PDB file of N, CA and C in Angstrom:
ATOM      1  N   MET A   1       2.114  -3.405  17.242  1.00  0.00           N
ATOM      2  CA  MET A   1       2.812  -2.864  16.089  1.00  0.00           C
ATOM      3  C   MET A   1       3.745  -3.940  15.535  1.00  0.00           C
ATOM      4  N   ARG A   2       3.743  -4.055  14.211  1.00  0.00           N
ATOM      5  CA  ARG A   2       4.639  -4.998  13.537  1.00  0.00           C
ATOM      6  C   ARG A   2       5.418  -4.225  12.483  1.00  0.00           C
ATOM      7  N   ARG A   3       6.687  -4.627  12.307  1.00  0.00           N
ATOM      8  CA  ARG A   3       7.540  -3.914  11.358  1.00  0.00           C
ATOM      9  C   ARG A   3       8.298  -4.898  10.486  1.00  0.00           C
ATOM     10  N   ALA A   4       8.678  -4.401   9.288  1.00  0.00           N
ATOM     11  CA  ALA A   4       9.456  -5.214   8.354  1.00  0.00           C
ATOM     12  C   ALA A   4      10.427  -4.321   7.589  1.00  0.00           C
ATOM     13  N   LYS A   5      11.616  -4.861   7.348  1.00  0.00           N
ATOM     14  CA  LYS A   5      12.594  -4.181   6.494  1.00  0.00           C
ATOM     15  C   LYS A   5      12.202  -4.420   5.047  1.00  0.00           C
ATOM     16  N   ILE A   6      12.330  -3.384   4.246  1.00  0.00           N
ATOM     17  CA  ILE A   6      12.070  -3.506   2.823  1.00  0.00           C
ATOM     18  C   ILE A   6      13.414  -3.457   2.101  1.00  0.00           C
ATOM     19  N   LEU A   7      13.746  -4.556   1.433  1.00  0.00           N
ATOM     20  CA  LEU A   7      15.005  -4.654   0.708  1.00  0.00           C
ATOM     21  C   LEU A   7      14.751  -4.462  -0.775  1.00  0.00           C
ATOM     22  N   TYR A   8      15.584  -3.658  -1.408  1.00  0.00           N
ATOM     23  CA  TYR A   8      15.546  -3.469  -2.854  1.00  0.00           C
ATOM     24  C   TYR A   8      16.880  -3.939  -3.395  1.00  0.00           C
ATOM     25  N   LYS A   9      16.859  -4.997  -4.181  1.00  0.00           N
ATOM     26  CA  LYS A   9      18.084  -5.637  -4.683  1.00  0.00           C
ATOM     27  C   LYS A   9      19.043  -5.932  -3.531  1.00  0.00           C
ATOM     28  N   ASN A  10      18.496  -6.473  -2.451  1.00  0.00           N
ATOM     29  CA  ASN A  10      19.212  -6.899  -1.248  1.00  0.00           C
ATOM     30  C   ASN A  10      19.863  -5.758  -0.473  1.00  0.00           C
ATOM     31  N   GLU A  11      19.449  -4.533  -0.697  1.00  0.00           N
ATOM     32  CA  GLU A  11      19.887  -3.390   0.108  1.00  0.00           C
ATOM     33  C   GLU A  11      18.670  -2.839   0.827  1.00  0.00           C
ATOM     34  N   GLU A  12      18.837  -2.506   2.105  1.00  0.00           N
ATOM     35  CA  GLU A  12      17.712  -2.013   2.885  1.00  0.00           C
ATOM     36  C   GLU A  12      17.313  -0.608   2.433  1.00  0.00           C
ATOM     37  N   ALA A  13      16.091  -0.498   1.927  1.00  0.00           N
ATOM     38  CA  ALA A  13      15.592   0.778   1.406  1.00  0.00           C
ATOM     39  C   ALA A  13      14.710   1.504   2.412  1.00  0.00           C
ATOM     40  N   GLY A  14      13.978   0.757   3.226  1.00  0.00           N
ATOM     41  CA  GLY A  14      13.070   1.411   4.154  1.00  0.00           C
ATOM     42  C   GLY A  14      12.407   0.433   5.094  1.00  0.00           C
ATOM     43  N   THR A  15      11.353   0.911   5.763  1.00  0.00           N
ATOM     44  CA  THR A  15      10.650   0.115   6.762  1.00  0.00           C
ATOM     45  C   THR A  15       9.150   0.242   6.564  1.00  0.00           C
ATOM     46  N   LEU A  16       8.474  -0.902   6.603  1.00  0.00           N
ATOM     47  CA  LEU A  16       7.022  -0.964   6.562  1.00  0.00           C
ATOM     48  C   LEU A  16       6.541  -1.275   7.971  1.00  0.00           C
ATOM     49  N   THR A  17       5.553  -0.512   8.451  1.00  0.00           N
ATOM     50  CA  THR A  17       5.023  -0.696   9.798  1.00  0.00           C
ATOM     51  C   THR A  17       3.517  -0.854   9.742  1.00  0.00           C
ATOM     52  N   GLN A  18       2.998  -1.833  10.499  1.00  0.00           N
ATOM     53  CA  GLN A  18       1.558  -1.932  10.712  1.00  0.00           C
ATOM     54  C   GLN A  18       1.305  -1.584  12.163  1.00  0.00           C
ATOM     55  N   TYR A  19       0.459  -0.596  12.396  1.00  0.00           N
ATOM     56  CA  TYR A  19       0.137  -0.138  13.747  1.00  0.00           C
ATOM     57  C   TYR A  19      -1.018  -0.947  14.325  1.00  0.00           C
ATOM     58  N   ASP A  20      -1.211  -0.823  15.620  1.00  0.00           N
ATOM     59  CA  ASP A  20      -2.251  -1.590  16.315  1.00  0.00           C
ATOM     60  C   ASP A  20      -3.657  -1.288  15.804  1.00  0.00           C
ATOM     61  N   ASP A  21      -3.877  -0.102  15.245  1.00  0.00           N
ATOM     62  CA  ASP A  21      -5.195   0.235  14.704  1.00  0.00           C
ATOM     63  C   ASP A  21      -5.395  -0.295  13.279  1.00  0.00           C
ATOM     64  N   GLY A  22      -4.397  -1.010  12.741  1.00  0.00           N
ATOM     65  CA  GLY A  22      -4.494  -1.594  11.408  1.00  0.00           C
ATOM     66  C   GLY A  22      -3.953  -0.719  10.300  1.00  0.00           C
ATOM     67  N   SER A  23      -3.573   0.522  10.611  1.00  0.00           N
ATOM     68  CA  SER A  23      -3.021   1.412   9.588  1.00  0.00           C
ATOM     69  C   SER A  23      -1.556   1.061   9.317  1.00  0.00           C
ATOM     70  N   PHE A  24      -1.035   1.621   8.232  1.00  0.00           N
ATOM     71  CA  PHE A  24       0.323   1.309   7.793  1.00  0.00           C
ATOM     72  C   PHE A  24       1.121   2.575   7.535  1.00  0.00           C
ATOM     73  N   SER A  25       2.429   2.438   7.637  1.00  0.00           N
ATOM     74  CA  SER A  25       3.332   3.495   7.177  1.00  0.00           C
ATOM     75  C   SER A  25       4.514   2.826   6.482  1.00  0.00           C
ATOM     76  N   PHE A  26       5.064   3.537   5.537  1.00  0.00           N
ATOM     77  CA  PHE A  26       6.307   3.137   4.896  1.00  0.00           C
ATOM     78  C   PHE A  26       7.192   4.361   4.857  1.00  0.00           C
ATOM     79  N   TYR A  27       8.452   4.187   5.254  1.00  0.00           N
ATOM     80  CA  TYR A  27       9.387   5.303   5.124  1.00  0.00           C
ATOM     81  C   TYR A  27      10.711   4.792   4.590  1.00  0.00           C
ATOM     82  N   TYR A  28      11.336   5.663   3.807  1.00  0.00           N
ATOM     83  CA  TYR A  28      12.667   5.381   3.287  1.00  0.00           C
ATOM     84  C   TYR A  28      13.702   5.675   4.364  1.00  0.00           C
ATOM     85  N   ASN A  29      14.705   4.821   4.473  1.00  0.00           N
ATOM     86  CA  ASN A  29      15.828   5.081   5.385  1.00  0.00           C
ATOM     87  C   ASN A  29      16.551   6.341   4.931  1.00  0.00           C
ATOM     88  N   ASP A  30      17.167   7.038   5.868  1.00  0.00           N
ATOM     89  CA  ASP A  30      17.869   8.288   5.553  1.00  0.00           C
ATOM     90  C   ASP A  30      18.905   8.096   4.458  1.00  0.00           C
ATOM     91  N   GLU A  31      19.702   7.034   4.551  1.00  0.00           N
ATOM     92  CA  GLU A  31      20.758   6.801   3.575  1.00  0.00           C
ATOM     93  C   GLU A  31      20.182   6.588   2.174  1.00  0.00           C
ATOM     94  N   TRP A  32      19.076   5.877   2.091  1.00  0.00           N
ATOM     95  CA  TRP A  32      18.439   5.607   0.803  1.00  0.00           C
ATOM     96  C   TRP A  32      17.802   6.877   0.250  1.00  0.00           C
ATOM     97  N   TYR A  33      17.120   7.605   1.116  1.00  0.00           N
ATOM     98  CA  TYR A  33      16.382   8.797   0.695  1.00  0.00           C
ATOM     99  C   TYR A  33      17.308   9.896   0.166  1.00  0.00           C
ATOM    100  N   THR A  34      18.466  10.057   0.789  1.00  0.00           N
ATOM    101  CA  THR A  34      19.374  11.143   0.400  1.00  0.00           C
ATOM    102  C   THR A  34      20.320  10.762  -0.727  1.00  0.00           C
ATOM    103  N   ASN A  35      20.436   9.489  -1.050  1.00  0.00           N
ATOM    104  CA  ASN A  35      21.338   9.035  -2.103  1.00  0.00           C
ATOM    105  C   ASN A  35      20.628   9.116  -3.455  1.00  0.00           C
ATOM    106  N   ASN A  36      21.067  10.027  -4.314  1.00  0.00           N
ATOM    107  CA  ASN A  36      20.419  10.231  -5.609  1.00  0.00           C
ATOM    108  C   ASN A  36      20.564   9.046  -6.559  1.00  0.00           C
ATOM    109  N   SER A  37      21.496   8.156  -6.301  1.00  0.00           N
ATOM    110  CA  SER A  37      21.664   6.996  -7.184  1.00  0.00           C
ATOM    111  C   SER A  37      20.700   5.864  -6.823  1.00  0.00           C
ATOM    112  N   LYS A  38      20.022   5.969  -5.691  1.00  0.00           N
ATOM    113  CA  LYS A  38      19.050   4.946  -5.269  1.00  0.00           C
ATOM    114  C   LYS A  38      17.671   5.310  -5.802  1.00  0.00           C
ATOM    115  N   HIS A  39      16.979   4.331  -6.370  1.00  0.00           N
ATOM    116  CA  HIS A  39      15.670   4.539  -6.970  1.00  0.00           C
ATOM    117  C   HIS A  39      14.553   4.347  -5.959  1.00  0.00           C
ATOM    118  N   SER A  40      13.377   4.849  -6.301  1.00  0.00           N
ATOM    119  CA  SER A  40      12.167   4.543  -5.540  1.00  0.00           C
ATOM    120  C   SER A  40      11.888   3.055  -5.688  1.00  0.00           C
ATOM    121  N   ILE A  41      11.273   2.452  -4.682  1.00  0.00           N
ATOM    122  CA  ILE A  41      10.950   1.033  -4.796  1.00  0.00           C
ATOM    123  C   ILE A  41       9.732   0.814  -5.685  1.00  0.00           C
ATOM    124  N   SER A  42       8.950   1.887  -5.885  1.00  0.00           N
ATOM    125  CA  SER A  42       7.727   1.796  -6.685  1.00  0.00           C
ATOM    126  C   SER A  42       7.344   3.184  -7.176  1.00  0.00           C
ATOM    127  N   LEU A  43       6.641   3.241  -8.296  1.00  0.00           N
ATOM    128  CA  LEU A  43       6.130   4.524  -8.785  1.00  0.00           C
ATOM    129  C   LEU A  43       5.113   5.117  -7.816  1.00  0.00           C
ATOM    130  N   THR A  44       4.420   4.257  -7.081  1.00  0.00           N
ATOM    131  CA  THR A  44       3.410   4.738  -6.134  1.00  0.00           C
ATOM    132  C   THR A  44       4.003   5.120  -4.782  1.00  0.00           C
ATOM    133  N   LEU A  45       5.299   4.862  -4.580  1.00  0.00           N
ATOM    134  CA  LEU A  45       6.010   5.247  -3.362  1.00  0.00           C
ATOM    135  C   LEU A  45       7.274   6.019  -3.763  1.00  0.00           C
ATOM    136  N   PRO A  46       7.094   7.215  -4.357  1.00  0.00           N
ATOM    137  CA  PRO A  46       8.243   7.962  -4.887  1.00  0.00           C
ATOM    138  C   PRO A  46       9.145   8.505  -3.775  1.00  0.00           C
ATOM    139  N   LYS A  47      10.417   8.695  -4.113  1.00  0.00           N
ATOM    140  CA  LYS A  47      11.369   9.227  -3.135  1.00  0.00           C
ATOM    141  C   LYS A  47      11.165  10.714  -2.864  1.00  0.00           C
ATOM    142  N   SER A  48      10.231  11.342  -3.515  1.00  0.00           N
ATOM    143  CA  SER A  48       9.956  12.748  -3.244  1.00  0.00           C
ATOM    144  C   SER A  48       9.279  12.927  -1.876  1.00  0.00           C
ATOM    145  N   VAL A  49       8.767  11.835  -1.326  1.00  0.00           N
ATOM    146  CA  VAL A  49       8.157  11.834   0.001  1.00  0.00           C
ATOM    147  C   VAL A  49       8.912  10.815   0.841  1.00  0.00           C
ATOM    148  N   LYS A  50       9.298  11.209   2.059  1.00  0.00           N
ATOM    149  CA  LYS A  50      10.073  10.295   2.891  1.00  0.00           C
ATOM    150  C   LYS A  50       9.194   9.261   3.596  1.00  0.00           C
ATOM    151  N   GLU A  51       8.000   9.679   4.067  1.00  0.00           N
ATOM    152  CA  GLU A  51       7.125   8.748   4.785  1.00  0.00           C
ATOM    153  C   GLU A  51       5.719   8.793   4.195  1.00  0.00           C
ATOM    154  N   PHE A  52       5.126   7.606   4.083  1.00  0.00           N
ATOM    155  CA  PHE A  52       3.782   7.441   3.561  1.00  0.00           C
ATOM    156  C   PHE A  52       2.914   6.827   4.648  1.00  0.00           C
ATOM    157  N   ARG A  53       1.667   7.240   4.734  1.00  0.00           N
ATOM    158  CA  ARG A  53       0.713   6.681   5.699  1.00  0.00           C
ATOM    159  C   ARG A  53      -0.541   6.246   4.949  1.00  0.00           C
ATOM    160  N   ALA A  54      -1.164   5.165   5.417  1.00  0.00           N
ATOM    161  CA  ALA A  54      -2.389   4.672   4.786  1.00  0.00           C
ATOM    162  C   ALA A  54      -3.201   3.868   5.805  1.00  0.00           C
ATOM    163  N   LYS A  55      -4.515   3.852   5.594  1.00  0.00           N
ATOM    164  CA  LYS A  55      -5.401   3.060   6.455  1.00  0.00           C
ATOM    165  C   LYS A  55      -5.306   1.576   6.133  1.00  0.00           C
ATOM    166  N   HIS A  56      -4.883   1.261   4.901  1.00  0.00           N
ATOM    167  CA  HIS A  56      -4.797  -0.128   4.444  1.00  0.00           C
ATOM    168  C   HIS A  56      -3.400  -0.376   3.881  1.00  0.00           C
ATOM    169  N   LEU A  57      -3.069  -1.639   3.688  1.00  0.00           N
ATOM    170  CA  LEU A  57      -1.779  -1.984   3.103  1.00  0.00           C
ATOM    171  C   LEU A  57      -1.633  -1.313   1.738  1.00  0.00           C
ATOM    172  N   PHE A  58      -0.493  -0.713   1.491  1.00  0.00           N
ATOM    173  CA  PHE A  58      -0.242  -0.011   0.235  1.00  0.00           C
ATOM    174  C   PHE A  58      -0.422  -0.969  -0.946  1.00  0.00           C
ATOM    175  N   PRO A  59      -1.038  -0.505  -2.033  1.00  0.00           N
ATOM    176  CA  PRO A  59      -1.273  -1.381  -3.193  1.00  0.00           C
ATOM    177  C   PRO A  59      -0.010  -2.068  -3.703  1.00  0.00           C
ATOM    178  N   PHE A  60       1.127  -1.387  -3.659  1.00  0.00           N
ATOM    179  CA  PHE A  60       2.373  -2.010  -4.124  1.00  0.00           C
ATOM    180  C   PHE A  60       2.647  -3.300  -3.360  1.00  0.00           C
ATOM    181  N   PHE A  61       2.517  -3.258  -2.038  1.00  0.00           N
ATOM    182  CA  PHE A  61       2.781  -4.439  -1.221  1.00  0.00           C
ATOM    183  C   PHE A  61       1.636  -5.447  -1.324  1.00  0.00           C
ATOM    184  N   TYR A  62       0.396  -4.957  -1.402  1.00  0.00           N
ATOM    185  CA  TYR A  62      -0.747  -5.859  -1.529  1.00  0.00           C
ATOM    186  C   TYR A  62      -0.613  -6.722  -2.781  1.00  0.00           C
ATOM    187  N   ASN A  63      -0.109  -6.152  -3.853  1.00  0.00           N
ATOM    188  CA  ASN A  63       0.041  -6.898  -5.104  1.00  0.00           C
ATOM    189  C   ASN A  63       1.152  -7.941  -5.055  1.00  0.00           C
ATOM    190  N   MET A  64       1.934  -7.959  -3.989  1.00  0.00           N
ATOM    191  CA  MET A  64       2.946  -8.992  -3.808  1.00  0.00           C
ATOM    192  C   MET A  64       2.370 -10.236  -3.134  1.00  0.00           C
ATOM    193  N   LEU A  65       1.130 -10.171  -2.653  1.00  0.00           N
ATOM    194  CA  LEU A  65       0.514 -11.280  -1.923  1.00  0.00           C
ATOM    195  C   LEU A  65       0.042 -12.381  -2.867  1.00  0.00           C
ATOM    196  N   PRO A  66       0.070 -13.628  -2.389  1.00  0.00           N
ATOM    197  CA  PRO A  66      -0.474 -14.717  -3.203  1.00  0.00           C
ATOM    198  C   PRO A  66      -1.994 -14.583  -3.305  1.00  0.00           C
ATOM    199  N   GLU A  67      -2.557 -15.183  -4.346  1.00  0.00           N
ATOM    200  CA  GLU A  67      -3.997 -15.106  -4.581  1.00  0.00           C
ATOM    201  C   GLU A  67      -4.601 -16.497  -4.674  1.00  0.00           C
ATOM    202  N   GLY A  68      -5.913 -16.542  -4.539  1.00  0.00           N
ATOM    203  CA  GLY A  68      -6.676 -17.766  -4.772  1.00  0.00           C
ATOM    204  C   GLY A  68      -6.226 -18.952  -3.941  1.00  0.00           C
ATOM    205  N   SER A  69      -6.068 -20.087  -4.626  1.00  0.00           N
ATOM    206  CA  SER A  69      -5.713 -21.320  -3.914  1.00  0.00           C
ATOM    207  C   SER A  69      -4.309 -21.238  -3.314  1.00  0.00           C
ATOM    208  N   ASN A  70      -3.409 -20.487  -3.943  1.00  0.00           N
ATOM    209  CA  ASN A  70      -2.069 -20.319  -3.358  1.00  0.00           C
ATOM    210  C   ASN A  70      -2.164 -19.638  -1.999  1.00  0.00           C
ATOM    211  N   ARG A  71      -3.009 -18.611  -1.892  1.00  0.00           N
ATOM    212  CA  ARG A  71      -3.189 -17.925  -0.612  1.00  0.00           C
ATOM    213  C   ARG A  71      -3.757 -18.889   0.421  1.00  0.00           C
ATOM    214  N   GLN A  72      -4.739 -19.695   0.034  1.00  0.00           N
ATOM    215  CA  GLN A  72      -5.339 -20.652   0.962  1.00  0.00           C
ATOM    216  C   GLN A  72      -4.306 -21.634   1.496  1.00  0.00           C
ATOM    217  N   VAL A  73      -3.452 -22.130   0.616  1.00  0.00           N
ATOM    218  CA  VAL A  73      -2.415 -23.095   1.023  1.00  0.00           C
ATOM    219  C   VAL A  73      -1.423 -22.436   1.979  1.00  0.00           C
ATOM    220  N   VAL A  74      -0.947 -21.242   1.634  1.00  0.00           N
ATOM    221  CA  VAL A  74       0.011 -20.532   2.489  1.00  0.00           C
ATOM    222  C   VAL A  74      -0.601 -20.273   3.861  1.00  0.00           C
ATOM    223  N   CYS A  75      -1.839 -19.817   3.896  1.00  0.00           N
ATOM    224  CA  CYS A  75      -2.505 -19.530   5.164  1.00  0.00           C
ATOM    225  C   CYS A  75      -2.672 -20.788   6.014  1.00  0.00           C
ATOM    226  N   LYS A  76      -3.073 -21.867   5.384  1.00  0.00           N
ATOM    227  CA  LYS A  76      -3.288 -23.112   6.128  1.00  0.00           C
ATOM    228  C   LYS A  76      -1.969 -23.662   6.671  1.00  0.00           C
ATOM    229  N   LEU A  77      -0.948 -23.717   5.838  1.00  0.00           N
ATOM    230  CA  LEU A  77       0.341 -24.273   6.263  1.00  0.00           C
ATOM    231  C   LEU A  77       1.027 -23.426   7.342  1.00  0.00           C
ATOM    232  N   ASN A  78       0.832 -22.116   7.284  1.00  0.00           N
ATOM    233  CA  ASN A  78       1.507 -21.215   8.226  1.00  0.00           C
ATOM    234  C   ASN A  78       0.595 -20.701   9.328  1.00  0.00           C
ATOM    235  N   LYS A  79      -0.652 -21.184   9.343  1.00  0.00           N
ATOM    236  CA  LYS A  79      -1.640 -20.789  10.353  1.00  0.00           C
ATOM    237  C   LYS A  79      -1.780 -19.266  10.418  1.00  0.00           C
ATOM    238  N   ILE A  80      -2.027 -18.676   9.238  1.00  0.00           N
ATOM    239  CA  ILE A  80      -2.201 -17.235   9.107  1.00  0.00           C
ATOM    240  C   ILE A  80      -3.641 -16.964   8.667  1.00  0.00           C
ATOM    241  N   ASP A  81      -4.277 -15.993   9.277  1.00  0.00           N
ATOM    242  CA  ASP A  81      -5.605 -15.560   8.845  1.00  0.00           C
ATOM    243  C   ASP A  81      -5.491 -14.992   7.435  1.00  0.00           C
ATOM    244  N   SER A  82      -6.415 -15.337   6.562  1.00  0.00           N
ATOM    245  CA  SER A  82      -6.341 -14.889   5.170  1.00  0.00           C
ATOM    246  C   SER A  82      -6.495 -13.375   5.029  1.00  0.00           C
ATOM    247  N   GLU A  83      -6.973 -12.695   6.066  1.00  0.00           N
ATOM    248  CA  GLU A  83      -7.104 -11.239   6.055  1.00  0.00           C
ATOM    249  C   GLU A  83      -5.905 -10.551   6.719  1.00  0.00           C
ATOM    250  N   ASP A  84      -4.935 -11.322   7.191  1.00  0.00           N
ATOM    251  CA  ASP A  84      -3.725 -10.765   7.805  1.00  0.00           C
ATOM    252  C   ASP A  84      -2.701 -10.499   6.705  1.00  0.00           C
ATOM    253  N   TYR A  85      -2.870  -9.374   6.042  1.00  0.00           N
ATOM    254  CA  TYR A  85      -2.035  -9.065   4.882  1.00  0.00           C
ATOM    255  C   TYR A  85      -0.568  -8.877   5.259  1.00  0.00           C
ATOM    256  N   PHE A  86      -0.315  -8.262   6.387  1.00  0.00           N
ATOM    257  CA  PHE A  86       1.072  -8.085   6.824  1.00  0.00           C
ATOM    258  C   PHE A  86       1.713  -9.445   7.086  1.00  0.00           C
ATOM    259  N   GLY A  87       1.015 -10.322   7.785  1.00  0.00           N
ATOM    260  CA  GLY A  87       1.532 -11.662   8.058  1.00  0.00           C
ATOM    261  C   GLY A  87       1.801 -12.445   6.787  1.00  0.00           C
ATOM    262  N   LEU A  88       0.884 -12.351   5.834  1.00  0.00           N
ATOM    263  CA  LEU A  88       1.086 -13.010   4.541  1.00  0.00           C
ATOM    264  C   LEU A  88       2.292 -12.441   3.810  1.00  0.00           C
ATOM    265  N   LEU A  89       2.426 -11.127   3.848  1.00  0.00           N
ATOM    266  CA  LEU A  89       3.524 -10.466   3.139  1.00  0.00           C
ATOM    267  C   LEU A  89       4.878 -10.900   3.674  1.00  0.00           C
ATOM    268  N   VAL A  90       5.044 -10.875   4.993  1.00  0.00           N
ATOM    269  CA  VAL A  90       6.357 -11.239   5.550  1.00  0.00           C
ATOM    270  C   VAL A  90       6.629 -12.734   5.427  1.00  0.00           C
ATOM    271  N   THR A  91       5.586 -13.534   5.308  1.00  0.00           N
ATOM    272  CA  THR A  91       5.766 -14.979   5.127  1.00  0.00           C
ATOM    273  C   THR A  91       6.148 -15.330   3.695  1.00  0.00           C
ATOM    274  N   THR A  92       5.535 -14.661   2.724  1.00  0.00           N
ATOM    275  CA  THR A  92       5.730 -15.050   1.329  1.00  0.00           C
ATOM    276  C   THR A  92       6.781 -14.235   0.594  1.00  0.00           C
ATOM    277  N   ALA A  93       7.055 -13.013   1.013  1.00  0.00           N
ATOM    278  CA  ALA A  93       7.972 -12.145   0.260  1.00  0.00           C
ATOM    279  C   ALA A  93       9.329 -11.989   0.926  1.00  0.00           C
ATOM    280  N   CYS A  94       9.672 -12.892   1.828  1.00  0.00           N
ATOM    281  CA  CYS A  94      10.951 -12.742   2.536  1.00  0.00           C
ATOM    282  C   CYS A  94      12.126 -13.364   1.783  1.00  0.00           C
ATOM    283  N   TYR A  95      11.903 -14.429   1.056  1.00  0.00           N
ATOM    284  CA  TYR A  95      13.009 -15.098   0.373  1.00  0.00           C
ATOM    285  C   TYR A  95      12.968 -14.953  -1.138  1.00  0.00           C
ATOM    286  N   ASP A  96      11.807 -15.157  -1.685  1.00  0.00           N
ATOM    287  CA  ASP A  96      11.687 -15.192  -3.130  1.00  0.00           C
ATOM    288  C   ASP A  96      10.448 -14.424  -3.546  1.00  0.00           C
ATOM    289  N   SER A  97      10.650 -13.351  -4.271  1.00  0.00           N
ATOM    290  CA  SER A  97       9.509 -12.579  -4.749  1.00  0.00           C
ATOM    291  C   SER A  97       9.755 -12.182  -6.197  1.00  0.00           C
ATOM    292  N   ILE A  98       8.681 -11.845  -6.880  1.00  0.00           N
ATOM    293  CA  ILE A  98       8.814 -11.371  -8.249  1.00  0.00           C
ATOM    294  C   ILE A  98       9.305  -9.931  -8.175  1.00  0.00           C
ATOM    295  N   GLY A  99      10.374  -9.629  -8.871  1.00  0.00           N
ATOM    296  CA  GLY A  99      10.918  -8.275  -8.839  1.00  0.00           C
ATOM    297  C   GLY A  99      12.065  -8.142  -7.858  1.00  0.00           C
ATOM    298  N   ALA A 100      12.424  -6.910  -7.590  1.00  0.00           N
ATOM    299  CA  ALA A 100      13.626  -6.616  -6.815  1.00  0.00           C
ATOM    300  C   ALA A 100      13.360  -6.402  -5.335  1.00  0.00           C
ATOM    301  N   VAL A 101      12.099  -6.422  -4.895  1.00  0.00           N
ATOM    302  CA  VAL A 101      11.755  -6.085  -3.516  1.00  0.00           C
ATOM    303  C   VAL A 101      11.479  -7.335  -2.698  1.00  0.00           C
ATOM    304  N   ARG A 102      12.088  -7.367  -1.501  1.00  0.00           N
ATOM    305  CA  ARG A 102      11.807  -8.425  -0.526  1.00  0.00           C
ATOM    306  C   ARG A 102      11.385  -7.770   0.781  1.00  0.00           C
ATOM    307  N   VAL A 103      10.649  -8.516   1.604  1.00  0.00           N
ATOM    308  CA  VAL A 103      10.121  -8.001   2.862  1.00  0.00           C
ATOM    309  C   VAL A 103      10.560  -8.933   3.983  1.00  0.00           C
ATOM    310  N   ILE A 104      11.321  -8.397   4.938  1.00  0.00           N
ATOM    311  CA  ILE A 104      11.876  -9.202   6.031  1.00  0.00           C
ATOM    312  C   ILE A 104      11.318  -8.697   7.353  1.00  0.00           C
ATOM    313  N   LYS A 105      10.629  -9.561   8.085  1.00  0.00           N
ATOM    314  CA  LYS A 105      10.032  -9.176   9.366  1.00  0.00           C
ATOM    315  C   LYS A 105      11.109  -8.788  10.362  1.00  0.00           C
ATOM    316  N   ILE A 106      10.855  -7.718  11.100  1.00  0.00           N
ATOM    317  CA  ILE A 106      11.746  -7.274  12.165  1.00  0.00           C
ATOM    318  C   ILE A 106      11.195  -7.847  13.471  1.00  0.00           C
ATOM    319  N   GLU A 107      11.972  -8.662  14.118  1.00  0.00           N
ATOM    320  CA  GLU A 107      11.572  -9.255  15.394  1.00  0.00           C
ATOM    321  C   GLU A 107      11.904  -8.275  16.514  1.00  0.00           C
ATOM    322  N   ASP A 108      10.880  -7.874  17.266  1.00  0.00           N
ATOM    323  CA  ASP A 108      11.116  -6.935  18.391  1.00  0.00           C
ATOM    324  C   ASP A 108      11.345  -7.663  19.667  1.00  0.00           C
TER     325      ASP A 108
END
């Protein structure tokens, strides 16, 4: 199991988890979920649901991944399998990403 904190404008909004079977979950932290002034991180991950489950990486996070030759370079330099979407996400979206969301790996 691998986990990552999801930051929205540098505030922790929730947690993304990849399970050993390859499935994923995303849940909003209690403080974020109950605070009406905090927005959903995405239209596809609304705050009306606290936890989301999927067999594959959620499209919102998948669209944060590099593509084409950029993906090849990132994978080669960081020794990441090009099909390891979680590994790519935490490597590329931890410091600088387009938009307000960042992904920080949780070291267990």
